[in-house]
Amino acid sequence: MLPRENRLRAPADFRTAFRTGVKGTSSHVLAHVAHTRESHAPRVGFVVSKAVGNAVVRNRVKRRARAWAAGQLKDLRTGDLLVIRALPAASDADYAALTRSLDRALRTARRRLRKRDEETTGISGAESGAGDRTEQSAGASDALR
């Protein structure tokens, strides 16, 4: 379960993530990541529409995504907002496939956010401290597949 300080609940925060953040895609989910200047703990929110399935299916997808997100909190920066939007294909995915898809979407979004930050500030990701530990290890595991 996500700690209270890491839950994204306010509609304004969801809007911020959607409008000012970047999007990473995969086969089962979309990840919207925004970095705010606020000094709050990283927050994670979920959007699972009725297109995904009935209530049982939607809640299963949310539970699995929450479990994955709890493990990702240590890799998110202070002030980060992450919104996971489940696609209808998520209803048929098992836990392993969903986590691979979540990892891929987050990796893509982080890469796009880092690129946008570099373009606006002129500072590379290594200089700004925006490095991604999981991206390096995930890249190595992807090479093994």
Foldseek 3Di string as FASTA:
>chain_A
DDDPQQADDDPVLVVCQVPVFFWFFFDWKIKGKDADPDQGQHHEEEAEDCLLDDPVLSVVLVVLVVVLVNVCSVQDDGRMYMYIYTDNVSSPDDSVVSSVRVVRGVLRRLVVVQVVVCVVPVDHCVVVVSDGPVNVVVVVVVVVD
